[in-house]
Amino acid sequence: EQFRERRRQTLEALSERMASRVVKTGKEIVLEPMTSQERKIIHAWLQ
């Protein structure tokens, strides 16, 4: 049911929200543990 695509979109949206929060507060944010595939999506999105 397109799980991978929906998960990718969710992770990209999460990345944007968290990046905005880091810029606004100036504090690092540590996300929940993820698989290497999920981490790669976030790294690539915010690169």
All heavy atoms as atom14 arrays in JSON, in Angstrom:
{
  "sequence": "EQFRERRRQTLEALSERMASRVVKTGKEIVLEPMTSQERKIIHAWLQ",
  "atom14_mask": [
    [1, 1, 1, 1, 1, 1, 1, 1, 1, 0, 0, 0, 0, 0],
    [1, 1, 1, 1, 1, 1, 1, 1, 1, 0, 0, 0, 0, 0],
    [1, 1, 1, 1, 1, 1, 1, 1, 1, 1, 1, 0, 0, 0],
    [1, 1, 1, 1, 1, 1, 1, 1, 1, 1, 1, 0, 0, 0],
    [1, 1, 1, 1, 1, 1, 1, 1, 1, 0, 0, 0, 0, 0],
    [1, 1, 1, 1, 1, 1, 1, 1, 1, 1, 1, 0, 0, 0],
    [1, 1, 1, 1, 1, 1, 1, 1, 1, 1, 1, 0, 0, 0],
    [1, 1, 1, 1, 1, 1, 1, 1, 1, 1, 1, 0, 0, 0],
    [1, 1, 1, 1, 1, 1, 1, 1, 1, 0, 0, 0, 0, 0],
    [1, 1, 1, 1, 1, 1, 1, 0, 0, 0, 0, 0, 0, 0],
    [1, 1, 1, 1, 1, 1, 1, 1, 0, 0, 0, 0, 0, 0],
    [1, 1, 1, 1, 1, 1, 1, 1, 1, 0, 0, 0, 0, 0],
    [1, 1, 1, 1, 1, 0, 0, 0, 0, 0, 0, 0, 0, 0],
    [1, 1, 1, 1, 1, 1, 1, 1, 0, 0, 0, 0, 0, 0],
    [1, 1, 1, 1, 1, 1, 0, 0, 0, 0, 0, 0, 0, 0],
    [1, 1, 1, 1, 1, 1, 1, 1, 1, 0, 0, 0, 0, 0],
    [1, 1, 1, 1, 1, 1, 1, 1, 1, 1, 1, 0, 0, 0],
    [1, 1, 1, 1, 1, 1, 1, 1, 0, 0, 0, 0, 0, 0],
    [1, 1, 1, 1, 1, 0, 0, 0, 0, 0, 0, 0, 0, 0],
    [1, 1, 1, 1, 1, 1, 0, 0, 0, 0, 0, 0, 0, 0],
    [1, 1, 1, 1, 1, 1, 1, 1, 1, 1, 1, 0, 0, 0],
    [1, 1, 1, 1, 1, 1, 1, 0, 0, 0, 0, 0, 0, 0],
    [1, 1, 1, 1, 1, 1, 1, 0, 0, 0, 0, 0, 0, 0],
    [1, 1, 1, 1, 1, 1, 1, 1, 1, 0, 0, 0, 0, 0],
    [1, 1, 1, 1, 1, 1, 1, 0, 0, 0, 0, 0, 0, 0],
    [1, 1, 1, 1, 0, 0, 0, 0, 0, 0, 0, 0, 0, 0],
    [1, 1, 1, 1, 1, 1, 1, 1, 1, 0, 0, 0, 0, 0],
    [1, 1, 1, 1, 1, 1, 1, 1, 1, 0, 0, 0, 0, 0],
    [1, 1, 1, 1, 1, 1, 1, 1, 0, 0, 0, 0, 0, 0],
    [1, 1, 1, 1, 1, 1, 1, 0, 0, 0, 0, 0, 0, 0],
    [1, 1, 1, 1, 1, 1, 1, 1, 0, 0, 0, 0, 0, 0],
    [1, 1, 1, 1, 1, 1, 1, 1, 1, 0, 0, 0, 0, 0],
    [1, 1, 1, 1, 1, 1, 1, 0, 0, 0, 0, 0, 0, 0],
    [1, 1, 1, 1, 1, 1, 1, 1, 0, 0, 0, 0, 0, 0],
    [1, 1, 1, 1, 1, 1, 1, 0, 0, 0, 0, 0, 0, 0],
    [1, 1, 1, 1, 1, 1, 0, 0, 0, 0, 0, 0, 0, 0],
    [1, 1, 1, 1, 1, 1, 1, 1, 1, 0, 0, 0, 0, 0],
    [1, 1, 1, 1, 1, 1, 1, 1, 1, 0, 0, 0, 0, 0],
    [1, 1, 1, 1, 1, 1, 1, 1, 1, 1, 1, 0, 0, 0],
    [1, 1, 1, 1, 1, 1, 1, 1, 1, 0, 0, 0, 0, 0],
    [1, 1, 1, 1, 1, 1, 1, 1, 0, 0, 0, 0, 0, 0],
    [1, 1, 1, 1, 1, 1, 1, 1, 0, 0, 0, 0, 0, 0],
    [1, 1, 1, 1, 1, 1, 1, 1, 1, 1, 0, 0, 0, 0],
    [1, 1, 1, 1, 1, 0, 0, 0, 0, 0, 0, 0, 0, 0],
    [1, 1, 1, 1, 1, 1, 1, 1, 1, 1, 1, 1, 1, 1],
    [1, 1, 1, 1, 1, 1, 1, 1, 0, 0, 0, 0, 0, 0],
    [1, 1, 1, 1, 1, 1, 1, 1, 1, 0, 0, 0, 0, 0]
  ],
  "atom14_positions": [
    [[0.81, -1.22, 0.0], [0.0, 0.0, 0.0], [0.84, 1.27, 0.0], [0.56, 2.22, 0.72], [-0.97, 0.0, 1.18], [-2.0, -1.1, 1.09], [-3.02, -1.03, 2.2], [-3.1, 0.0, 2.9], [-3.75, -2.01, 2.37], [0.0, 0.0, 0.0], [0.0, 0.0, 0.0], [0.0, 0.0, 0.0], [0.0, 0.0, 0.0], [0.0, 0.0, 0.0]],
    [[1.93, 1.26, -0.78], [2.78, 2.45, -0.93], [3.42, 2.89, 0.39], [3.68, 4.08, 0.6], [1.98, 3.6, -1.54], [1.29, 3.28, -2.83], [2.27, 3.19, -3.97], [3.06, 4.08, -4.15], [2.22, 2.12, -4.74], [0.0, 0.0, 0.0], [0.0, 0.0, 0.0], [0.0, 0.0, 0.0], [0.0, 0.0, 0.0], [0.0, 0.0, 0.0]],
    [[3.67, 1.95, 1.29], [4.22, 2.28, 2.61], [5.52, 3.06, 2.51], [5.71, 4.07, 3.19], [4.44, 1.02, 3.45], [5.14, 1.3, 4.75], [4.44, 1.82, 5.82], [6.51, 1.1, 4.89], [5.08, 2.12, 7.02], [7.16, 1.38, 6.07], [6.45, 1.89, 7.14], [0.0, 0.0, 0.0], [0.0, 0.0, 0.0], [0.0, 0.0, 0.0]],
    [[6.44, 2.61, 1.67], [7.75, 3.27, 1.57], [7.62, 4.72, 1.13], [8.29, 5.6, 1.65], [8.67, 2.51, 0.63], [9.15, 1.22, 1.21], [10.04, 0.49, 0.22], [10.36, -0.82, 0.72], [11.59, -1.3, 0.8], [12.6, -0.58, 0.4], [11.81, -2.5, 1.26], [0.0, 0.0, 0.0], [0.0, 0.0, 0.0], [0.0, 0.0, 0.0]],
    [[6.77, 4.96, 0.16], [6.59, 6.33, -0.33], [5.95, 7.21, 0.75], [6.38, 8.35, 0.97], [5.72, 6.33, -1.59], [5.43, 7.71, -2.14], [6.67, 8.49, -2.57], [7.71, 7.87, -2.87], [6.59, 9.73, -2.59], [0.0, 0.0, 0.0], [0.0, 0.0, 0.0], [0.0, 0.0, 0.0], [0.0, 0.0, 0.0], [0.0, 0.0, 0.0]],
    [[4.94, 6.69, 1.42], [4.3, 7.47, 2.49], [5.27, 7.73, 3.63], [5.31, 8.82, 4.2], [3.06, 6.75, 3.02], [1.89, 6.83, 2.06], [0.62, 6.2, 2.61], [0.79, 4.74, 2.68], [0.66, 4.02, 3.79], [0.33, 4.59, 4.93], [0.84, 2.72, 3.76], [0.0, 0.0, 0.0], [0.0, 0.0, 0.0], [0.0, 0.0, 0.0]],
    [[6.11, 6.74, 3.98], [7.1, 6.91, 5.05], [8.14, 7.95, 4.64], [8.54, 8.78, 5.45], [7.77, 5.57, 5.38], [8.77, 5.64, 6.49], [8.13, 5.99, 7.82], [9.12, 5.97, 8.88], [9.02, 6.61, 10.02], [7.93, 7.31, 10.29], [9.97, 6.56, 10.92], [0.0, 0.0, 0.0], [0.0, 0.0, 0.0], [0.0, 0.0, 0.0]],
    [[8.56, 7.93, 3.36], [9.53, 8.91, 2.88], [8.95, 10.32, 3.02], [9.62, 11.23, 3.52], [9.9, 8.64, 1.42], [10.96, 9.61, 0.87], [11.18, 9.45, -0.61], [9.97, 9.69, -1.39], [9.47, 10.9, -1.67], [10.06, 11.98, -1.23], [8.38, 11.02, -2.39], [0.0, 0.0, 0.0], [0.0, 0.0, 0.0], [0.0, 0.0, 0.0]],
    [[7.7, 10.49, 2.63], [7.06, 11.8, 2.73], [6.94, 12.26, 4.18], [7.17, 13.43, 4.5], [5.69, 11.78, 2.06], [5.75, 11.65, 0.57], [4.37, 11.46, -0.07], [3.37, 11.3, 0.62], [4.34, 11.45, -1.39], [0.0, 0.0, 0.0], [0.0, 0.0, 0.0], [0.0, 0.0, 0.0], [0.0, 0.0, 0.0], [0.0, 0.0, 0.0]],
    [[6.61, 11.33, 5.06], [6.5, 11.64, 6.47], [7.85, 12.08, 7.03], [7.94, 13.06, 7.78], [5.99, 10.41, 7.26], [4.71, 10.05, 6.75], [5.91, 10.68, 8.75], [0.0, 0.0, 0.0], [0.0, 0.0, 0.0], [0.0, 0.0, 0.0], [0.0, 0.0, 0.0], [0.0, 0.0, 0.0], [0.0, 0.0, 0.0], [0.0, 0.0, 0.0]],
    [[8.92, 11.36, 6.67], [10.26, 11.7, 7.16], [10.73, 13.05, 6.61], [11.38, 13.82, 7.33], [11.26, 10.6, 6.79], [11.06, 9.29, 7.54], [11.95, 8.2, 6.94], [11.34, 9.45, 9.01], [0.0, 0.0, 0.0], [0.0, 0.0, 0.0], [0.0, 0.0, 0.0], [0.0, 0.0, 0.0], [0.0, 0.0, 0.0], [0.0, 0.0, 0.0]],
    [[10.41, 13.35, 5.36], [10.79, 14.64, 4.79], [10.07, 15.78, 5.51], [10.66, 16.81, 5.81], [10.51, 14.66, 3.29], [11.47, 13.79, 2.51], [11.1, 13.64, 1.05], [10.01, 14.11, 0.63], [11.91, 13.05, 0.31], [0.0, 0.0, 0.0], [0.0, 0.0, 0.0], [0.0, 0.0, 0.0], [0.0, 0.0, 0.0], [0.0, 0.0, 0.0]],
    [[8.79, 15.6, 5.8], [8.03, 16.62, 6.52], [8.58, 16.8, 7.94], [8.73, 17.93, 8.43], [6.54, 16.25, 6.56], [0.0, 0.0, 0.0], [0.0, 0.0, 0.0], [0.0, 0.0, 0.0], [0.0, 0.0, 0.0], [0.0, 0.0, 0.0], [0.0, 0.0, 0.0], [0.0, 0.0, 0.0], [0.0, 0.0, 0.0], [0.0, 0.0, 0.0]],
    [[8.89, 15.68, 8.59], [9.49, 15.73, 9.93], [10.81, 16.49, 9.88], [11.09, 17.33, 10.75], [9.72, 14.32, 10.46], [10.49, 14.2, 11.77], [9.66, 14.74, 12.93], [10.9, 12.76, 12.01], [0.0, 0.0, 0.0], [0.0, 0.0, 0.0], [0.0, 0.0, 0.0], [0.0, 0.0, 0.0], [0.0, 0.0, 0.0], [0.0, 0.0, 0.0]],
    [[11.61, 16.23, 8.86], [12.9, 16.89, 8.71], [12.74, 18.4, 8.62], [13.47, 19.15, 9.27], [13.61, 16.41, 7.44], [13.82, 15.04, 7.47], [0.0, 0.0, 0.0], [0.0, 0.0, 0.0], [0.0, 0.0, 0.0], [0.0, 0.0, 0.0], [0.0, 0.0, 0.0], [0.0, 0.0, 0.0], [0.0, 0.0, 0.0], [0.0, 0.0, 0.0]],
    [[11.79, 18.83, 7.81], [11.55, 20.27, 7.65], [11.11, 20.91, 8.97], [11.6, 21.98, 9.34], [10.49, 20.52, 6.58], [10.98, 20.31, 5.18], [12.05, 21.32, 4.78], [12.0, 22.49, 5.2], [12.94, 20.92, 4.02], [0.0, 0.0, 0.0], [0.0, 0.0, 0.0], [0.0, 0.0, 0.0], [0.0, 0.0, 0.0], [0.0, 0.0, 0.0]],
    [[10.19, 20.26, 9.67], [9.7, 20.81, 10.94], [10.82, 20.91, 11.96], [10.97, 21.92, 12.65], [8.56, 19.94, 11.5], [7.24, 20.13, 10.82], [6.08, 19.52, 11.63], [6.35, 18.22, 12.21], [6.18, 17.05, 11.6], [5.73, 17.02, 10.36], [6.43, 15.91, 12.22], [0.0, 0.0, 0.0], [0.0, 0.0, 0.0], [0.0, 0.0, 0.0]],
    [[11.61, 19.86, 12.06], [12.69, 19.84, 13.05], [13.8, 20.84, 12.68], [14.36, 21.49, 13.56], [13.26, 18.43, 13.21], [12.29, 17.42, 13.77], [11.68, 17.84, 15.42], [10.0, 18.32, 15.07], [0.0, 0.0, 0.0], [0.0, 0.0, 0.0], [0.0, 0.0, 0.0], [0.0, 0.0, 0.0], [0.0, 0.0, 0.0], [0.0, 0.0, 0.0]],
    [[14.1, 20.97, 11.4], [15.1, 21.95, 10.97], [14.64, 23.36, 11.32], [15.43, 24.18, 11.81], [15.37, 21.82, 9.48], [0.0, 0.0, 0.0], [0.0, 0.0, 0.0], [0.0, 0.0, 0.0], [0.0, 0.0, 0.0], [0.0, 0.0, 0.0], [0.0, 0.0, 0.0], [0.0, 0.0, 0.0], [0.0, 0.0, 0.0], [0.0, 0.0, 0.0]],
    [[13.37, 23.65, 11.1], [12.82, 24.96, 11.45], [12.91, 25.21, 12.94], [13.26, 26.32, 13.39], [11.36, 25.07, 11.01], [11.28, 25.0, 9.61], [0.0, 0.0, 0.0], [0.0, 0.0, 0.0], [0.0, 0.0, 0.0], [0.0, 0.0, 0.0], [0.0, 0.0, 0.0], [0.0, 0.0, 0.0], [0.0, 0.0, 0.0], [0.0, 0.0, 0.0]],
    [[12.65, 24.18, 13.72], [12.72, 24.31, 15.18], [14.16, 24.57, 15.63], [14.4, 25.39, 16.52], [12.17, 23.06, 15.85], [12.09, 23.22, 17.37], [11.51, 22.01, 18.04], [10.1, 21.84, 17.65], [9.39, 20.78, 18.0], [9.94, 19.79, 18.69], [8.14, 20.68, 17.63], [0.0, 0.0, 0.0], [0.0, 0.0, 0.0], [0.0, 0.0, 0.0]],
    [[15.12, 23.88, 15.01], [16.53, 24.09, 15.36], [16.95, 25.51, 15.04], [17.62, 26.18, 15.84], [17.44, 23.07, 14.62], [18.9, 23.46, 14.72], [17.22, 21.67, 15.17], [0.0, 0.0, 0.0], [0.0, 0.0, 0.0], [0.0, 0.0, 0.0], [0.0, 0.0, 0.0], [0.0, 0.0, 0.0], [0.0, 0.0, 0.0], [0.0, 0.0, 0.0]],
    [[16.55, 26.03, 13.87], [16.89, 27.4, 13.49], [16.25, 28.38, 14.46], [16.9, 29.35, 14.88], [16.43, 27.68, 12.03], [16.55, 29.15, 11.71], [17.25, 26.85, 11.06], [0.0, 0.0, 0.0], [0.0, 0.0, 0.0], [0.0, 0.0, 0.0], [0.0, 0.0, 0.0], [0.0, 0.0, 0.0], [0.0, 0.0, 0.0], [0.0, 0.0, 0.0]],
    [[15.01, 28.13, 14.84], [14.28, 29.05, 15.73], [14.87, 29.06, 17.15], [15.04, 30.11, 17.75], [12.81, 28.65, 15.78], [11.94, 29.56, 16.58], [10.48, 29.13, 16.52], [9.61, 30.02, 17.35], [8.2, 29.62, 17.29], [0.0, 0.0, 0.0], [0.0, 0.0, 0.0], [0.0, 0.0, 0.0], [0.0, 0.0, 0.0], [0.0, 0.0, 0.0]],
    [[15.18, 27.87, 17.69], [15.63, 27.78, 19.08], [17.14, 27.81, 19.23], [17.65, 28.13, 20.3], [15.11, 26.49, 19.74], [15.72, 25.36, 19.09], [13.61, 26.4, 19.69], [0.0, 0.0, 0.0], [0.0, 0.0, 0.0], [0.0, 0.0, 0.0], [0.0, 0.0, 0.0], [0.0, 0.0, 0.0], [0.0, 0.0, 0.0], [0.0, 0.0, 0.0]],
    [[17.86, 27.42, 18.18], [19.32, 27.36, 18.27], [19.82, 26.12, 18.99], [21.02, 26.0, 19.25], [0.0, 0.0, 0.0], [0.0, 0.0, 0.0], [0.0, 0.0, 0.0], [0.0, 0.0, 0.0], [0.0, 0.0, 0.0], [0.0, 0.0, 0.0], [0.0, 0.0, 0.0], [0.0, 0.0, 0.0], [0.0, 0.0, 0.0], [0.0, 0.0, 0.0]],
    [[18.92, 25.2, 19.32], [19.3, 23.98, 20.05], [19.23, 22.77, 19.13], [18.36, 22.67, 18.27], [18.36, 23.75, 21.23], [18.44, 24.82, 22.28], [17.51, 24.52, 23.43], [17.58, 25.63, 24.47], [16.66, 25.36, 25.58], [0.0, 0.0, 0.0], [0.0, 0.0, 0.0], [0.0, 0.0, 0.0], [0.0, 0.0, 0.0], [0.0, 0.0, 0.0]],
    [[20.15, 21.83, 19.35], [20.15, 20.57, 18.59], [18.91, 19.77, 18.92], [18.39, 19.84, 20.03], [21.36, 19.72, 18.96], [22.67, 20.27, 18.52], [23.82, 19.33, 18.84], [23.63, 18.33, 19.58], [24.93, 19.59, 18.34], [0.0, 0.0, 0.0], [0.0, 0.0, 0.0], [0.0, 0.0, 0.0], [0.0, 0.0, 0.0], [0.0, 0.0, 0.0]],
    [[18.47, 18.99, 17.96], [17.36, 18.06, 18.18], [17.86, 16.66, 17.84], [18.48, 16.45, 16.79], [16.14, 18.41, 17.31], [15.55, 19.73, 17.78], [15.12, 17.3, 17.33], [14.33, 20.18, 17.02], [0.0, 0.0, 0.0], [0.0, 0.0, 0.0], [0.0, 0.0, 0.0], [0.0, 0.0, 0.0], [0.0, 0.0, 0.0], [0.0, 0.0, 0.0]],
    [[17.59, 15.72, 18.73], [17.94, 14.32, 18.52], [16.64, 13.57, 18.22], [15.71, 13.59, 19.02], [18.63, 13.72, 19.76], [18.98, 12.27, 19.51], [19.86, 14.53, 20.14], [0.0, 0.0, 0.0], [0.0, 0.0, 0.0], [0.0, 0.0, 0.0], [0.0, 0.0, 0.0], [0.0, 0.0, 0.0], [0.0, 0.0, 0.0], [0.0, 0.0, 0.0]],
    [[16.59, 12.94, 17.06], [15.39, 12.2, 16.66], [15.41, 10.79, 17.24], [16.43, 10.33, 17.74], [15.3, 12.15, 15.14], [15.25, 13.5, 14.43], [15.19, 13.3, 12.93], [14.06, 14.32, 14.9], [0.0, 0.0, 0.0], [0.0, 0.0, 0.0], [0.0, 0.0, 0.0], [0.0, 0.0, 0.0], [0.0, 0.0, 0.0], [0.0, 0.0, 0.0]],
    [[14.29, 10.1, 17.14], [14.17, 8.73, 17.63], [15.05, 7.8, 16.8], [15.41, 8.14, 15.68], [12.72, 8.27, 17.61], [12.17, 7.96, 16.23], [11.59, 9.16, 15.48], [11.62, 10.28, 16.01], [11.13, 8.95, 14.35], [0.0, 0.0, 0.0], [0.0, 0.0, 0.0], [0.0, 0.0, 0.0], [0.0, 0.0, 0.0], [0.0, 0.0, 0.0]],
    [[15.4, 6.65, 17.33], [16.2, 5.69, 16.56], [15.49, 5.3, 15.27], [14.27, 5.17, 15.24], [16.32, 4.47, 17.48], [16.09, 5.01, 18.85], [15.13, 6.15, 18.68], [0.0, 0.0, 0.0], [0.0, 0.0, 0.0], [0.0, 0.0, 0.0], [0.0, 0.0, 0.0], [0.0, 0.0, 0.0], [0.0, 0.0, 0.0], [0.0, 0.0, 0.0]],
    [[16.27, 5.16, 14.2], [15.71, 4.82, 12.89], [16.61, 3.82, 12.19], [17.77, 3.66, 12.54], [15.64, 6.07, 11.99], [14.74, 7.13, 12.47], [14.8, 8.51, 11.34], [13.88, 9.7, 12.27], [0.0, 0.0, 0.0], [0.0, 0.0, 0.0], [0.0, 0.0, 0.0], [0.0, 0.0, 0.0], [0.0, 0.0, 0.0], [0.0, 0.0, 0.0]],
    [[16.05, 3.2, 11.16], [16.85, 2.3, 10.33], [17.79, 3.14, 9.47], [17.59, 4.34, 9.29], [15.95, 1.46, 9.41], [15.29, 2.34, 8.49], [14.92, 0.66, 10.21], [0.0, 0.0, 0.0], [0.0, 0.0, 0.0], [0.0, 0.0, 0.0], [0.0, 0.0, 0.0], [0.0, 0.0, 0.0], [0.0, 0.0, 0.0], [0.0, 0.0, 0.0]],
    [[18.79, 2.5, 8.91], [19.74, 3.22, 8.06], [19.04, 3.83, 6.85], [19.39, 4.93, 6.41], [20.88, 2.31, 7.63], [20.39, 1.24, 6.87], [0.0, 0.0, 0.0], [0.0, 0.0, 0.0], [0.0, 0.0, 0.0], [0.0, 0.0, 0.0], [0.0, 0.0, 0.0], [0.0, 0.0, 0.0], [0.0, 0.0, 0.0], [0.0, 0.0, 0.0]],
    [[18.07, 3.15, 6.31], [17.33, 3.66, 5.16], [16.58, 4.94, 5.52], [16.58, 5.9, 4.75], [16.36, 2.6, 4.66], [15.59, 3.01, 3.43], [14.65, 1.91, 2.94], [14.61, 0.83, 3.52], [13.91, 2.18, 1.91], [0.0, 0.0, 0.0], [0.0, 0.0, 0.0], [0.0, 0.0, 0.0], [0.0, 0.0, 0.0], [0.0, 0.0, 0.0]],
    [[15.96, 4.98, 6.68], [15.23, 6.16, 7.11], [16.18, 7.31, 7.42], [15.91, 8.46, 7.08], [14.36, 5.84, 8.33], [13.21, 4.91, 8.0], [12.4, 4.5, 9.21], [12.93, 4.55, 10.34], [11.23, 4.13, 9.03], [0.0, 0.0, 0.0], [0.0, 0.0, 0.0], [0.0, 0.0, 0.0], [0.0, 0.0, 0.0], [0.0, 0.0, 0.0]],
    [[17.31, 7.01, 8.05], [18.3, 8.05, 8.33], [18.83, 8.66, 7.04], [19.02, 9.87, 6.94], [19.46, 7.5, 9.17], [19.07, 7.16, 10.6], [20.28, 6.9, 11.48], [21.26, 6.0, 10.9], [21.28, 4.68, 11.05], [20.33, 4.09, 11.77], [22.22, 3.95, 10.5], [0.0, 0.0, 0.0], [0.0, 0.0, 0.0], [0.0, 0.0, 0.0]],
    [[19.04, 7.83, 6.06], [19.55, 8.3, 4.76], [18.58, 9.3, 4.13], [19.0, 10.3, 3.54], [19.78, 7.11, 3.83], [20.37, 7.48, 2.51], [20.62, 6.25, 1.67], [21.17, 6.64, 0.31], [21.42, 5.49, -0.54], [0.0, 0.0, 0.0], [0.0, 0.0, 0.0], [0.0, 0.0, 0.0], [0.0, 0.0, 0.0], [0.0, 0.0, 0.0]],
    [[17.29, 9.05, 4.24], [16.28, 9.96, 3.69], [16.4, 11.33, 4.33], [16.4, 12.36, 3.65], [14.86, 9.38, 3.87], [14.67, 8.15, 2.99], [13.79, 10.43, 3.59], [13.42, 7.34, 3.29], [0.0, 0.0, 0.0], [0.0, 0.0, 0.0], [0.0, 0.0, 0.0], [0.0, 0.0, 0.0], [0.0, 0.0, 0.0], [0.0, 0.0, 0.0]],
    [[16.53, 11.37, 5.64], [16.62, 12.65, 6.36], [17.93, 13.36, 6.03], [17.95, 14.57, 5.76], [16.45, 12.45, 7.87], [15.01, 12.01, 8.15], [16.79, 13.73, 8.63], [14.7, 11.68, 9.57], [0.0, 0.0, 0.0], [0.0, 0.0, 0.0], [0.0, 0.0, 0.0], [0.0, 0.0, 0.0], [0.0, 0.0, 0.0], [0.0, 0.0, 0.0]],
    [[19.06, 12.63, 6.05], [20.34, 13.25, 5.7], [20.27, 13.86, 4.3], [20.7, 15.0, 4.09], [21.47, 12.22, 5.74], [21.91, 11.82, 7.11], [22.32, 12.71, 8.06], [22.01, 10.59, 7.68], [22.66, 12.07, 9.16], [22.48, 10.77, 8.96], [0.0, 0.0, 0.0], [0.0, 0.0, 0.0], [0.0, 0.0, 0.0], [0.0, 0.0, 0.0]],
    [[19.74, 13.13, 3.34], [19.67, 13.61, 1.96], [18.74, 14.82, 1.85], [19.05, 15.78, 1.13], [19.19, 12.49, 1.05], [0.0, 0.0, 0.0], [0.0, 0.0, 0.0], [0.0, 0.0, 0.0], [0.0, 0.0, 0.0], [0.0, 0.0, 0.0], [0.0, 0.0, 0.0], [0.0, 0.0, 0.0], [0.0, 0.0, 0.0], [0.0, 0.0, 0.0]],
    [[17.63, 14.79, 2.55], [16.65, 15.87, 2.46], [17.22, 17.19, 3.01], [16.97, 18.26, 2.46], [15.38, 15.49, 3.2], [14.27, 16.47, 3.01], [13.83, 17.4, 3.92], [13.47, 16.66, 1.84], [12.8, 18.13, 3.39], [12.56, 17.69, 2.11], [13.43, 16.04, 0.6], [11.62, 18.13, 1.18], [12.5, 16.47, -0.32], [11.61, 17.51, -0.03]],
    [[17.99, 17.11, 4.08], [18.52, 18.33, 4.71], [19.94, 18.68, 4.25], [20.51, 19.67, 4.71], [18.48, 18.18, 6.23], [17.09, 18.14, 6.85], [17.16, 17.92, 8.35], [16.31, 19.41, 6.52], [0.0, 0.0, 0.0], [0.0, 0.0, 0.0], [0.0, 0.0, 0.0], [0.0, 0.0, 0.0], [0.0, 0.0, 0.0], [0.0, 0.0, 0.0]],
    [[20.49, 17.9, 3.35], [21.87, 18.12, 2.9], [22.09, 19.53, 2.35], [23.11, 20.15, 2.62], [22.22, 17.1, 1.83], [23.65, 17.2, 1.34], [23.96, 16.09, 0.34], [23.07, 15.34, -0.06], [25.19, 15.99, -0.05], [0.0, 0.0, 0.0], [0.0, 0.0, 0.0], [0.0, 0.0, 0.0], [0.0, 0.0, 0.0], [0.0, 0.0, 0.0]]
  ]
}
